[in-house]
PDB file of N, CA and C in Angstrom:
ATOM      1  N   UNK A   1     -43.547 -49.111 -39.903  1.00  0.00           N
ATOM      2  CA  UNK A   1     -43.681 -49.637 -39.171  1.00  0.00           C
ATOM      3  C   UNK A   1     -42.110 -51.319 -38.310  1.00  0.00           C
ATOM      4  N   UNK A   2     -41.701 -51.416 -39.148  1.00  0.00           N
ATOM      5  CA  UNK A   2     -40.371 -51.994 -38.039  1.00  0.00           C
ATOM      6  C   UNK A   2     -39.298 -50.496 -38.062  1.00  0.00           C
ATOM      7  N   UNK A   3     -39.052 -49.194 -38.420  1.00  0.00           N
ATOM      8  CA  UNK A   3     -38.657 -48.670 -37.620  1.00  0.00           C
ATOM      9  C   UNK A   3     -39.753 -47.766 -36.309  1.00  0.00           C
ATOM     10  N   UNK A   4     -40.455 -48.601 -35.644  1.00  0.00           N
ATOM     11  CA  UNK A   4     -41.157 -47.834 -35.143  1.00  0.00           C
ATOM     12  C   UNK A   4     -40.293 -48.679 -33.446  1.00  0.00           C
ATOM     13  N   UNK A   5     -40.414 -50.178 -34.201  1.00  0.00           N
ATOM     14  CA  UNK A   5     -39.625 -51.377 -33.769  1.00  0.00           C
ATOM     15  C   UNK A   5     -38.754 -51.232 -33.235  1.00  0.00           C
ATOM     16  N   UNK A   6     -37.697 -50.973 -34.321  1.00  0.00           N
ATOM     17  CA  UNK A   6     -36.380 -50.776 -34.318  1.00  0.00           C
ATOM     18  C   UNK A   6     -36.068 -49.553 -32.593  1.00  0.00           C
ATOM     19  N   UNK A   7     -37.000 -49.088 -33.341  1.00  0.00           N
ATOM     20  CA  UNK A   7     -36.489 -47.125 -31.875  1.00  0.00           C
ATOM     21  C   UNK A   7     -36.789 -48.183 -31.224  1.00  0.00           C
ATOM     22  N   UNK A   8     -37.960 -48.775 -30.411  1.00  0.00           N
ATOM     23  CA  UNK A   8     -38.522 -49.236 -29.370  1.00  0.00           C
ATOM     24  C   UNK A   8     -37.064 -49.823 -28.662  1.00  0.00           C
ATOM     25  N   UNK A   9     -36.944 -51.736 -29.425  1.00  0.00           N
ATOM     26  CA  UNK A   9     -35.856 -51.848 -28.981  1.00  0.00           C
ATOM     27  C   UNK A   9     -33.898 -51.073 -28.991  1.00  0.00           C
ATOM     28  N   UNK A  10     -34.330 -50.173 -29.415  1.00  0.00           N
ATOM     29  CA  UNK A  10     -32.686 -49.558 -28.497  1.00  0.00           C
ATOM     30  C   UNK A  10     -33.634 -48.797 -27.784  1.00  0.00           C
ATOM     31  N   UNK A  11     -34.270 -47.773 -27.547  1.00  0.00           N
ATOM     32  CA  UNK A  11     -34.389 -47.548 -25.835  1.00  0.00           C
ATOM     33  C   UNK A  11     -34.251 -48.463 -25.161  1.00  0.00           C
ATOM     34  N   UNK A  12     -35.172 -50.303 -25.125  1.00  0.00           N
ATOM     35  CA  UNK A  12     -35.228 -50.420 -24.462  1.00  0.00           C
ATOM     36  C   UNK A  12     -33.378 -51.589 -24.175  1.00  0.00           C
ATOM     37  N   UNK A  13     -32.595 -51.395 -24.903  1.00  0.00           N
ATOM     38  CA  UNK A  13     -30.771 -52.315 -24.945  1.00  0.00           C
ATOM     39  C   UNK A  13     -30.560 -50.373 -24.213  1.00  0.00           C
ATOM     40  N   UNK A  14     -30.603 -48.655 -24.487  1.00  0.00           N
ATOM     41  CA  UNK A  14     -30.114 -47.530 -23.934  1.00  0.00           C
ATOM     42  C   UNK A  14     -30.322 -47.871 -22.103  1.00  0.00           C
ATOM     43  N   UNK A  15     -31.614 -48.484 -21.798  1.00  0.00           N
ATOM     44  CA  UNK A  15     -32.125 -48.620 -20.391  1.00  0.00           C
ATOM     45  C   UNK A  15     -31.824 -49.649 -19.665  1.00  0.00           C
ATOM     46  N   UNK A  16     -31.149 -50.774 -20.540  1.00  0.00           N
ATOM     47  CA  UNK A  16     -30.421 -52.416 -20.311  1.00  0.00           C
ATOM     48  C   UNK A  16     -28.779 -51.681 -19.872  1.00  0.00           C
ATOM     49  N   UNK A  17     -28.332 -50.902 -20.928  1.00  0.00           N
ATOM     50  CA  UNK A  17     -26.951 -50.354 -20.619  1.00  0.00           C
ATOM     51  C   UNK A  17     -26.150 -48.740 -19.667  1.00  0.00           C
ATOM     52  N   UNK A  18     -27.539 -49.046 -19.009  1.00  0.00           N
ATOM     53  CA  UNK A  18     -27.908 -47.453 -18.042  1.00  0.00           C
ATOM     54  C   UNK A  18     -27.096 -47.860 -17.227  1.00  0.00           C
ATOM     55  N   UNK A  19     -27.812 -49.573 -16.874  1.00  0.00           N
ATOM     56  CA  UNK A  19     -28.353 -49.957 -15.253  1.00  0.00           C
ATOM     57  C   UNK A  19     -26.633 -50.880 -15.146  1.00  0.00           C
ATOM     58  N   UNK A  20     -26.359 -51.388 -15.763  1.00  0.00           N
ATOM     59  CA  UNK A  20     -25.282 -51.728 -16.294  1.00  0.00           C
ATOM     60  C   UNK A  20     -23.887 -51.104 -16.060  1.00  0.00           C
ATOM     61  N   UNK A  21     -24.355 -50.104 -16.747  1.00  0.00           N
ATOM     62  CA  UNK A  21     -23.117 -48.825 -16.567  1.00  0.00           C
ATOM     63  C   UNK A  21     -23.356 -48.319 -15.160  1.00  0.00           C
ATOM     64  N   UNK A  22     -23.942 -48.352 -13.703  1.00  0.00           N
ATOM     65  CA  UNK A  22     -23.755 -48.078 -13.498  1.00  0.00           C
ATOM     66  C   UNK A  22     -23.189 -49.016 -11.824  1.00  0.00           C
ATOM     67  N   UNK A  23     -23.412 -50.341 -12.457  1.00  0.00           N
ATOM     68  CA  UNK A  23     -23.091 -51.269 -11.719  1.00  0.00           C
ATOM     69  C   UNK A  23     -21.756 -51.622 -11.762  1.00  0.00           C
ATOM     70  N   UNK A  24     -21.529 -51.251 -13.467  1.00  0.00           N
ATOM     71  CA  UNK A  24     -19.775 -50.784 -13.373  1.00  0.00           C
ATOM     72  C   UNK A  24     -19.045 -50.392 -13.625  1.00  0.00           C
ATOM     73  N   UNK A  25     -19.307 -48.905 -13.098  1.00  0.00           N
ATOM     74  CA  UNK A  25     -18.835 -47.812 -12.354  1.00  0.00           C
ATOM     75  C   UNK A  25     -18.898 -47.426 -11.217  1.00  0.00           C
ATOM     76  N   UNK A  26     -19.460 -48.686 -10.934  1.00  0.00           N
ATOM     77  CA  UNK A  26     -20.615 -47.903  -8.937  1.00  0.00           C
ATOM     78  C   UNK A  26     -18.408 -46.986  -8.124  1.00  0.00           C
ATOM     79  N   UNK A  27     -17.557 -47.663  -8.646  1.00  0.00           N
ATOM     80  CA  UNK A  27     -16.439 -46.784  -7.700  1.00  0.00           C
ATOM     81  C   UNK A  27     -16.767 -45.937  -8.945  1.00  0.00           C
ATOM     82  N   UNK A  28     -17.117 -45.356  -9.850  1.00  0.00           N
ATOM     83  CA  UNK A  28     -17.185 -43.064 -10.013  1.00  0.00           C
ATOM     84  C   UNK A  28     -18.089 -43.266  -8.740  1.00  0.00           C
ATOM     85  N   UNK A  29     -18.653 -43.287  -9.834  1.00  0.00           N
ATOM     86  CA  UNK A  29     -21.387 -43.406  -9.414  1.00  0.00           C
ATOM     87  C   UNK A  29     -20.840 -42.828  -7.819  1.00  0.00           C
ATOM     88  N   UNK A  30     -20.688 -44.460  -6.713  1.00  0.00           N
ATOM     89  CA  UNK A  30     -20.698 -44.453  -5.699  1.00  0.00           C
ATOM     90  C   UNK A  30     -19.593 -43.309  -5.002  1.00  0.00           C
ATOM     91  N   UNK A  31     -18.562 -42.372  -5.682  1.00  0.00           N
ATOM     92  CA  UNK A  31     -18.213 -41.059  -4.234  1.00  0.00           C
ATOM     93  C   UNK A  31     -18.866 -39.883  -5.237  1.00  0.00           C
ATOM     94  N   UNK A  32     -19.181 -40.362  -6.141  1.00  0.00           N
ATOM     95  CA  UNK A  32     -19.257 -38.573  -6.822  1.00  0.00           C
ATOM     96  C   UNK A  32     -20.981 -38.430  -6.243  1.00  0.00           C
ATOM     97  N   UNK A  33     -21.199 -39.234  -6.044  1.00  0.00           N
ATOM     98  CA  UNK A  33     -23.244 -39.494  -5.524  1.00  0.00           C
ATOM     99  C   UNK A  33     -22.660 -38.604  -4.633  1.00  0.00           C
ATOM    100  N   UNK A  34     -22.659 -39.667  -2.913  1.00  0.00           N
ATOM    101  CA  UNK A  34     -22.165 -38.747  -2.135  1.00  0.00           C
ATOM    102  C   UNK A  34     -22.131 -37.250  -1.667  1.00  0.00           C
ATOM    103  N   UNK A  35     -20.869 -37.585  -2.324  1.00  0.00           N
ATOM    104  CA  UNK A  35     -19.968 -35.254  -2.715  1.00  0.00           C
ATOM    105  C   UNK A  35     -21.585 -34.670  -3.971  1.00  0.00           C
ATOM    106  N   UNK A  36     -22.150 -35.101  -3.948  1.00  0.00           N
ATOM    107  CA  UNK A  36     -23.376 -34.486  -4.340  1.00  0.00           C
ATOM    108  C   UNK A  36     -24.592 -34.378  -3.813  1.00  0.00           C
ATOM    109  N   UNK A  37     -24.716 -35.252  -2.556  1.00  0.00           N
ATOM    110  CA  UNK A  37     -25.107 -35.250  -1.577  1.00  0.00           C
ATOM    111  C   UNK A  37     -25.135 -34.954  -0.710  1.00  0.00           C
ATOM    112  N   UNK A  38     -23.244 -34.736  -0.294  1.00  0.00           N
ATOM    113  CA  UNK A  38     -23.080 -33.737   1.157  1.00  0.00           C
ATOM    114  C   UNK A  38     -23.961 -32.118  -0.045  1.00  0.00           C
ATOM    115  N   UNK A  39     -23.146 -32.231  -1.535  1.00  0.00           N
ATOM    116  CA  UNK A  39     -23.255 -30.866  -1.676  1.00  0.00           C
ATOM    117  C   UNK A  39     -24.502 -30.196  -1.520  1.00  0.00           C
ATOM    118  N   UNK A  40     -25.192 -30.152  -1.926  1.00  0.00           N
ATOM    119  CA  UNK A  40     -26.926 -30.351  -1.875  1.00  0.00           C
ATOM    120  C   UNK A  40     -27.585 -29.880  -0.985  1.00  0.00           C
ATOM    121  N   UNK A  41     -27.142 -30.770   0.252  1.00  0.00           N
ATOM    122  CA  UNK A  41     -27.463 -30.664   1.392  1.00  0.00           C
ATOM    123  C   UNK A  41     -26.788 -29.048   2.477  1.00  0.00           C
ATOM    124  N   UNK A  42     -25.687 -29.788   1.995  1.00  0.00           N
ATOM    125  CA  UNK A  42     -24.516 -28.198   2.305  1.00  0.00           C
ATOM    126  C   UNK A  42     -25.589 -26.204   2.536  1.00  0.00           C
ATOM    127  N   UNK A  43     -25.988 -26.711   0.963  1.00  0.00           N
ATOM    128  CA  UNK A  43     -27.073 -25.825   0.110  1.00  0.00           C
ATOM    129  C   UNK A  43     -28.269 -25.504   0.754  1.00  0.00           C
ATOM    130  N   UNK A  44     -28.696 -26.821   1.072  1.00  0.00           N
ATOM    131  CA  UNK A  44     -29.860 -26.581   1.472  1.00  0.00           C
ATOM    132  C   UNK A  44     -30.022 -26.597   3.218  1.00  0.00           C
ATOM    133  N   UNK A  45     -28.933 -26.939   3.588  1.00  0.00           N
ATOM    134  CA  UNK A  45     -29.682 -26.451   4.873  1.00  0.00           C
ATOM    135  C   UNK A  45     -28.579 -24.767   5.009  1.00  0.00           C
ATOM    136  N   UNK A  46     -27.924 -23.696   4.285  1.00  0.00           N
ATOM    137  CA  UNK A  46     -27.522 -22.655   4.090  1.00  0.00           C
ATOM    138  C   UNK A  46     -28.958 -21.790   3.620  1.00  0.00           C
ATOM    139  N   UNK A  47     -29.749 -22.423   3.276  1.00  0.00           N
ATOM    140  CA  UNK A  47     -30.670 -21.735   2.955  1.00  0.00           C
ATOM    141  C   UNK A  47     -31.511 -21.510   3.986  1.00  0.00           C
ATOM    142  N   UNK A  48     -32.324 -23.580   4.071  1.00  0.00           N
ATOM    143  CA  UNK A  48     -32.527 -23.554   5.930  1.00  0.00           C
ATOM    144  C   UNK A  48     -32.635 -22.330   6.674  1.00  0.00           C
ATOM    145  N   UNK A  49     -31.251 -21.719   7.259  1.00  0.00           N
ATOM    146  CA  UNK A  49     -30.727 -21.260   8.221  1.00  0.00           C
ATOM    147  C   UNK A  49     -31.485 -19.856   7.216  1.00  0.00           C
ATOM    148  N   UNK A  50     -31.629 -19.491   6.733  1.00  0.00           N
ATOM    149  CA  UNK A  50     -33.084 -18.216   6.739  1.00  0.00           C
ATOM    150  C   UNK A  50     -34.189 -18.355   7.702  1.00  0.00           C
ATOM    151  N   UNK A  51     -34.345 -19.488   7.322  1.00  0.00           N
ATOM    152  CA  UNK A  51     -35.620 -18.957   8.028  1.00  0.00           C
ATOM    153  C   UNK A  51     -36.100 -19.572   9.348  1.00  0.00           C
ATOM    154  N   UNK A  52     -34.710 -20.127  10.204  1.00  0.00           N
ATOM    155  CA  UNK A  52     -34.866 -22.092  11.218  1.00  0.00           C
ATOM    156  C   UNK A  52     -33.573 -21.132  12.001  1.00  0.00           C
ATOM    157  N   UNK A  53     -34.030 -20.397  13.119  1.00  0.00           N
ATOM    158  CA  UNK A  53     -32.579 -20.259  14.727  1.00  0.00           C
ATOM    159  C   UNK A  53     -31.457 -21.625  14.590  1.00  0.00           C
ATOM    160  N   UNK A  54     -30.384 -20.908  14.967  1.00  0.00           N
ATOM    161  CA  UNK A  54     -29.140 -22.117  14.936  1.00  0.00           C
ATOM    162  C   UNK A  54     -29.333 -23.079  16.124  1.00  0.00           C
ATOM    163  N   UNK A  55     -29.953 -23.086  16.547  1.00  0.00           N
ATOM    164  CA  UNK A  55     -30.295 -24.182  17.575  1.00  0.00           C
ATOM    165  C   UNK A  55     -31.620 -24.524  17.474  1.00  0.00           C
ATOM    166  N   UNK A  56     -32.311 -23.726  16.999  1.00  0.00           N
ATOM    167  CA  UNK A  56     -33.447 -25.063  16.307  1.00  0.00           C
ATOM    168  C   UNK A  56     -33.321 -26.166  17.112  1.00  0.00           C
ATOM    169  N   UNK A  57     -34.770 -26.426  17.904  1.00  0.00           N
ATOM    170  CA  UNK A  57     -35.021 -28.031  18.068  1.00  0.00           C
ATOM    171  C   UNK A  57     -35.434 -28.813  16.810  1.00  0.00           C
ATOM    172  N   UNK A  58     -35.504 -28.495  15.690  1.00  0.00           N
ATOM    173  CA  UNK A  58     -36.554 -28.302  14.395  1.00  0.00           C
ATOM    174  C   UNK A  58     -35.492 -30.441  13.974  1.00  0.00           C
ATOM    175  N   UNK A  59     -36.960 -31.295  14.426  1.00  0.00           N
ATOM    176  CA  UNK A  59     -35.687 -31.891  13.056  1.00  0.00           C
ATOM    177  C   UNK A  59     -34.640 -31.870  12.321  1.00  0.00           C
ATOM    178  N   UNK A  60     -36.023 -31.075  11.321  1.00  0.00           N
ATOM    179  CA  UNK A  60     -35.066 -31.361   9.374  1.00  0.00           C
ATOM    180  C   UNK A  60     -34.117 -30.249   9.968  1.00  0.00           C
ATOM    181  N   UNK A  61     -33.457 -28.897  10.510  1.00  0.00           N
ATOM    182  CA  UNK A  61     -32.384 -28.920  10.994  1.00  0.00           C
ATOM    183  C   UNK A  61     -31.759 -29.650  11.769  1.00  0.00           C
ATOM    184  N   UNK A  62     -31.210 -30.984  12.307  1.00  0.00           N
ATOM    185  CA  UNK A  62     -30.750 -31.312  12.866  1.00  0.00           C
ATOM    186  C   UNK A  62     -30.607 -32.411  12.385  1.00  0.00           C
ATOM    187  N   UNK A  63     -31.097 -32.663  11.216  1.00  0.00           N
ATOM    188  CA  UNK A  63     -30.277 -33.437  10.106  1.00  0.00           C
ATOM    189  C   UNK A  63     -29.631 -33.199   9.527  1.00  0.00           C
ATOM    190  N   UNK A  64     -29.411 -31.654   9.144  1.00  0.00           N
ATOM    191  CA  UNK A  64     -28.837 -31.568   7.511  1.00  0.00           C
ATOM    192  C   UNK A  64     -27.490 -31.611   8.960  1.00  0.00           C
ATOM    193  N   UNK A  65     -27.941 -30.500   9.528  1.00  0.00           N
ATOM    194  CA  UNK A  65     -26.074 -30.203  10.202  1.00  0.00           C
ATOM    195  C   UNK A  65     -26.219 -31.895  10.486  1.00  0.00           C
ATOM    196  N   UNK A  66     -26.289 -32.497  11.710  1.00  0.00           N
ATOM    197  CA  UNK A  66     -25.731 -33.995  11.952  1.00  0.00           C
ATOM    198  C   UNK A  66     -25.344 -34.588   9.879  1.00  0.00           C
ATOM    199  N   UNK A  67     -26.172 -34.362   9.130  1.00  0.00           N
ATOM    200  CA  UNK A  67     -25.191 -34.807   7.364  1.00  0.00           C
ATOM    201  C   UNK A  67     -24.107 -34.238   7.141  1.00  0.00           C
ATOM    202  N   UNK A  68     -24.063 -32.987   7.736  1.00  0.00           N
ATOM    203  CA  UNK A  68     -22.949 -31.806   7.056  1.00  0.00           C
ATOM    204  C   UNK A  68     -22.447 -30.703   7.895  1.00  0.00           C
ATOM    205  N   UNK A  69     -22.380 -31.728   9.294  1.00  0.00           N
ATOM    206  CA  UNK A  69     -21.292 -31.108  10.413  1.00  0.00           C
ATOM    207  C   UNK A  69     -20.418 -31.173  10.105  1.00  0.00           C
ATOM    208  N   UNK A  70     -19.330 -32.847   9.756  1.00  0.00           N
ATOM    209  CA  UNK A  70     -18.388 -33.070   9.480  1.00  0.00           C
ATOM    210  C   UNK A  70     -17.931 -32.530   7.954  1.00  0.00           C
ATOM    211  N   UNK A  71     -18.254 -32.791   7.543  1.00  0.00           N
ATOM    212  CA  UNK A  71     -17.610 -31.777   6.125  1.00  0.00           C
ATOM    213  C   UNK A  71     -17.324 -29.979   6.563  1.00  0.00           C
ATOM    214  N   UNK A  72     -18.262 -29.148   7.710  1.00  0.00           N
ATOM    215  CA  UNK A  72     -18.252 -28.212   7.599  1.00  0.00           C
ATOM    216  C   UNK A  72     -17.000 -27.997   8.478  1.00  0.00           C
ATOM    217  N   UNK A  73     -16.746 -28.920   9.516  1.00  0.00           N
ATOM    218  CA  UNK A  73     -15.391 -29.164  10.513  1.00  0.00           C
ATOM    219  C   UNK A  73     -13.863 -29.521   9.634  1.00  0.00           C
ATOM    220  N   UNK A  74     -14.011 -29.700   8.341  1.00  0.00           N
ATOM    221  CA  UNK A  74     -12.763 -30.177   7.538  1.00  0.00           C
ATOM    222  C   UNK A  74     -12.745 -28.461   7.455  1.00  0.00           C
ATOM    223  N   UNK A  75     -14.257 -27.965   6.647  1.00  0.00           N
ATOM    224  CA  UNK A  75     -13.154 -26.531   5.872  1.00  0.00           C
ATOM    225  C   UNK A  75     -12.876 -25.264   6.923  1.00  0.00           C
ATOM    226  N   UNK A  76     -13.802 -25.764   7.631  1.00  0.00           N
ATOM    227  CA  UNK A  76     -13.495 -24.604   9.726  1.00  0.00           C
ATOM    228  C   UNK A  76     -11.911 -24.337   9.292  1.00  0.00           C
ATOM    229  N   UNK A  77     -10.883 -24.796   9.633  1.00  0.00           N
ATOM    230  CA  UNK A  77      -9.784 -23.986   9.469  1.00  0.00           C
ATOM    231  C   UNK A  77      -9.028 -24.478   8.101  1.00  0.00           C
ATOM    232  N   UNK A  78      -9.592 -24.150   7.177  1.00  0.00           N
ATOM    233  CA  UNK A  78      -9.137 -23.319   5.867  1.00  0.00           C
ATOM    234  C   UNK A  78      -9.777 -22.332   6.022  1.00  0.00           C
ATOM    235  N   UNK A  79     -10.303 -21.687   6.986  1.00  0.00           N
ATOM    236  CA  UNK A  79     -11.973 -20.359   6.119  1.00  0.00           C
ATOM    237  C   UNK A  79     -11.147 -19.270   7.043  1.00  0.00           C
ATOM    238  N   UNK A  80     -11.659 -18.609   6.742  1.00  0.00           N
ATOM    239  CA  UNK A  80     -10.877 -17.162   8.172  1.00  0.00           C
ATOM    240  C   UNK A  80     -11.736 -17.858   9.019  1.00  0.00           C
ATOM    241  N   UNK A  81     -11.275 -16.802  10.273  1.00  0.00           N
ATOM    242  CA  UNK A  81     -12.418 -17.026  11.476  1.00  0.00           C
ATOM    243  C   UNK A  81     -13.071 -16.101  11.301  1.00  0.00           C
ATOM    244  N   UNK A  82     -13.268 -14.705  10.546  1.00  0.00           N
ATOM    245  CA  UNK A  82     -14.400 -13.150  10.796  1.00  0.00           C
ATOM    246  C   UNK A  82     -15.245 -13.378   9.952  1.00  0.00           C
ATOM    247  N   UNK A  83     -15.251 -14.956   9.330  1.00  0.00           N
ATOM    248  CA  UNK A  83     -16.906 -15.463   8.083  1.00  0.00           C
ATOM    249  C   UNK A  83     -17.809 -15.245   8.855  1.00  0.00           C
ATOM    250  N   UNK A  84     -18.671 -15.487   9.425  1.00  0.00           N
ATOM    251  CA  UNK A  84     -20.553 -16.366   8.739  1.00  0.00           C
ATOM    252  C   UNK A  84     -20.322 -17.299   9.394  1.00  0.00           C
ATOM    253  N   UNK A  85     -21.000 -18.711   9.966  1.00  0.00           N
ATOM    254  CA  UNK A  85     -21.452 -20.284  10.045  1.00  0.00           C
ATOM    255  C   UNK A  85     -22.194 -20.057   8.250  1.00  0.00           C
ATOM    256  N   UNK A  86     -22.790 -19.474   7.887  1.00  0.00           N
ATOM    257  CA  UNK A  86     -23.381 -19.639   6.232  1.00  0.00           C
ATOM    258  C   UNK A  86     -22.157 -19.846   5.579  1.00  0.00           C
ATOM    259  N   UNK A  87     -21.515 -18.724   5.662  1.00  0.00           N
ATOM    260  CA  UNK A  87     -20.705 -18.489   4.363  1.00  0.00           C
ATOM    261  C   UNK A  87     -19.589 -19.288   4.666  1.00  0.00           C
ATOM    262  N   UNK A  88     -19.170 -20.035   5.679  1.00  0.00           N
ATOM    263  CA  UNK A  88     -18.494 -21.118   5.706  1.00  0.00           C
ATOM    264  C   UNK A  88     -19.362 -22.584   5.130  1.00  0.00           C
ATOM    265  N   UNK A  89     -20.715 -22.597   5.215  1.00  0.00           N
ATOM    266  CA  UNK A  89     -20.851 -23.490   4.798  1.00  0.00           C
ATOM    267  C   UNK A  89     -21.047 -23.833   3.415  1.00  0.00           C
ATOM    268  N   UNK A  90     -21.139 -22.450   2.719  1.00  0.00           N
ATOM    269  CA  UNK A  90     -21.181 -21.933   1.051  1.00  0.00           C
ATOM    270  C   UNK A  90     -19.723 -21.970   0.649  1.00  0.00           C
ATOM    271  N   UNK A  91     -18.520 -21.975   1.098  1.00  0.00           N
ATOM    272  CA  UNK A  91     -17.801 -22.948   1.080  1.00  0.00           C
ATOM    273  C   UNK A  91     -17.301 -23.382   0.787  1.00  0.00           C
ATOM    274  N   UNK A  92     -17.919 -24.199   1.508  1.00  0.00           N
ATOM    275  CA  UNK A  92     -18.050 -25.936   1.343  1.00  0.00           C
ATOM    276  C   UNK A  92     -18.365 -26.280   0.438  1.00  0.00           C
ATOM    277  N   UNK A  93     -19.639 -25.890   0.228  1.00  0.00           N
ATOM    278  CA  UNK A  93     -20.370 -25.895  -1.542  1.00  0.00           C
ATOM    279  C   UNK A  93     -19.094 -25.864  -2.231  1.00  0.00           C
ATOM    280  N   UNK A  94     -18.520 -25.026  -2.159  1.00  0.00           N
ATOM    281  CA  UNK A  94     -17.053 -24.587  -3.095  1.00  0.00           C
ATOM    282  C   UNK A  94     -16.687 -25.333  -3.097  1.00  0.00           C
ATOM    283  N   UNK A  95     -15.953 -25.887  -2.120  1.00  0.00           N
ATOM    284  CA  UNK A  95     -14.422 -26.797  -2.387  1.00  0.00           C
ATOM    285  C   UNK A  95     -15.251 -28.546  -2.874  1.00  0.00           C
ATOM    286  N   UNK A  96     -16.416 -28.505  -2.355  1.00  0.00           N
ATOM    287  CA  UNK A  96     -17.257 -29.882  -2.505  1.00  0.00           C
ATOM    288  C   UNK A  96     -17.426 -30.234  -4.073  1.00  0.00           C
ATOM    289  N   UNK A  97     -18.165 -29.039  -4.713  1.00  0.00           N
ATOM    290  CA  UNK A  97     -17.793 -28.857  -6.151  1.00  0.00           C
ATOM    291  C   UNK A  97     -16.523 -28.882  -7.378  1.00  0.00           C
ATOM    292  N   UNK A  98     -15.751 -28.318  -6.190  1.00  0.00           N
ATOM    293  CA  UNK A  98     -14.439 -28.546  -6.880  1.00  0.00           C
ATOM    294  C   UNK A  98     -13.564 -30.766  -6.423  1.00  0.00           C
ATOM    295  N   UNK A  99     -14.030 -30.439  -5.855  1.00  0.00           N
ATOM    296  CA  UNK A  99     -14.321 -32.100  -5.924  1.00  0.00           C
ATOM    297  C   UNK A  99     -14.552 -33.089  -6.296  1.00  0.00           C
ATOM    298  N   UNK A 100     -15.921 -32.825  -6.988  1.00  0.00           N
ATOM    299  CA  UNK A 100     -15.982 -34.198  -7.201  1.00  0.00           C
ATOM    300  C   UNK A 100     -15.307 -33.370  -8.925  1.00  0.00           C
ATOM    301  N   UNK A 101     -15.597 -32.564  -9.028  1.00  0.00           N
ATOM    302  CA  UNK A 101     -14.121 -31.658 -10.562  1.00  0.00           C
ATOM    303  C   UNK A 101     -12.923 -32.433 -10.792  1.00  0.00           C
ATOM    304  N   UNK A 102     -12.826 -32.442  -9.777  1.00  0.00           N
ATOM    305  CA  UNK A 102     -10.739 -33.109  -9.292  1.00  0.00           C
ATOM    306  C   UNK A 102     -11.364 -34.769  -9.716  1.00  0.00           C
ATOM    307  N   UNK A 103     -12.253 -35.491  -9.185  1.00  0.00           N
ATOM    308  CA  UNK A 103     -12.569 -36.821  -8.912  1.00  0.00           C
ATOM    309  C   UNK A 103     -12.557 -37.035 -10.320  1.00  0.00           C
ATOM    310  N   UNK A 104     -13.011 -36.042 -10.975  1.00  0.00           N
ATOM    311  CA  UNK A 104     -13.659 -36.604 -12.184  1.00  0.00           C
ATOM    312  C   UNK A 104     -12.846 -36.833 -13.601  1.00  0.00           C
ATOM    313  N   UNK A 105     -11.333 -35.052 -12.905  1.00  0.00           N
ATOM    314  CA  UNK A 105     -10.431 -35.552 -13.917  1.00  0.00           C
ATOM    315  C   UNK A 105      -9.285 -36.875 -13.557  1.00  0.00           C
ATOM    316  N   UNK A 106      -9.057 -37.703 -11.822  1.00  0.00           N
ATOM    317  CA  UNK A 106      -8.630 -37.959 -11.962  1.00  0.00           C
ATOM    318  C   UNK A 106      -8.916 -39.298 -12.519  1.00  0.00           C
ATOM    319  N   UNK A 107     -10.037 -39.743 -12.816  1.00  0.00           N
ATOM    320  CA  UNK A 107     -10.752 -40.987 -13.706  1.00  0.00           C
ATOM    321  C   UNK A 107     -10.568 -40.489 -15.499  1.00  0.00           C
ATOM    322  N   UNK A 108     -10.909 -38.980 -15.559  1.00  0.00           N
ATOM    323  CA  UNK A 108     -10.431 -38.978 -16.738  1.00  0.00           C
ATOM    324  C   UNK A 108      -8.902 -39.188 -17.580  1.00  0.00           C
ATOM    325  N   UNK A 109      -7.663 -39.000 -16.299  1.00  0.00           N
ATOM    326  CA  UNK A 109      -6.652 -39.702 -16.793  1.00  0.00           C
ATOM    327  C   UNK A 109      -6.221 -40.636 -16.029  1.00  0.00           C
ATOM    328  N   UNK A 110      -6.573 -41.644 -15.871  1.00  0.00           N
ATOM    329  CA  UNK A 110      -6.468 -42.930 -15.230  1.00  0.00           C
ATOM    330  C   UNK A 110      -7.547 -43.553 -16.690  1.00  0.00           C
ATOM    331  N   UNK A 111      -8.574 -43.653 -17.531  1.00  0.00           N
ATOM    332  CA  UNK A 111      -8.876 -43.433 -18.384  1.00  0.00           C
ATOM    333  C   UNK A 111      -9.828 -44.396 -18.332  1.00  0.00           C
ATOM    334  N   UNK A 112     -11.191 -44.153 -17.100  1.00  0.00           N
ATOM    335  CA  UNK A 112     -11.546 -45.769 -16.343  1.00  0.00           C
ATOM    336  C   UNK A 112     -13.268 -44.726 -15.856  1.00  0.00           C
ATOM    337  N   UNK A 113     -13.174 -44.306 -16.967  1.00  0.00           N
ATOM    338  CA  UNK A 113     -14.149 -42.989 -16.621  1.00  0.00           C
ATOM    339  C   UNK A 113     -15.393 -43.537 -17.496  1.00  0.00           C
ATOM    340  N   UNK A 114     -16.851 -43.442 -17.117  1.00  0.00           N
ATOM    341  CA  UNK A 114     -18.307 -43.559 -17.730  1.00  0.00           C
ATOM    342  C   UNK A 114     -17.966 -43.109 -18.842  1.00  0.00           C
ATOM    343  N   UNK A 115     -18.406 -43.974 -20.112  1.00  0.00           N
ATOM    344  CA  UNK A 115     -18.525 -43.123 -21.905  1.00  0.00           C
ATOM    345  C   UNK A 115     -20.641 -43.145 -21.798  1.00  0.00           C
TER     346      UNK A 115
END
């Protein structure tokens, strides 16, 4: 019986420490979350491009384009001009992934990464 209570107490304190970890390390979690959302939205745009016309008036397609166009505009100058737009989007996913890895490494080097 005591073991069950101890386990329940441990679970309750771990959930509290997780939420406080999000608040304490907001400077790491917020940029990481934004980069992840952009990365997965670009993947969604690439998959959606398989079934939607490029200049469609579909509101979901327009949302994906509006959210990801700034990232694509940054990646276009460093991508060869002969590639299709979907390849540019996938290159942007790769760049965002490596940007997330770089962010983690910078915080690790500074010693301020969540534990």
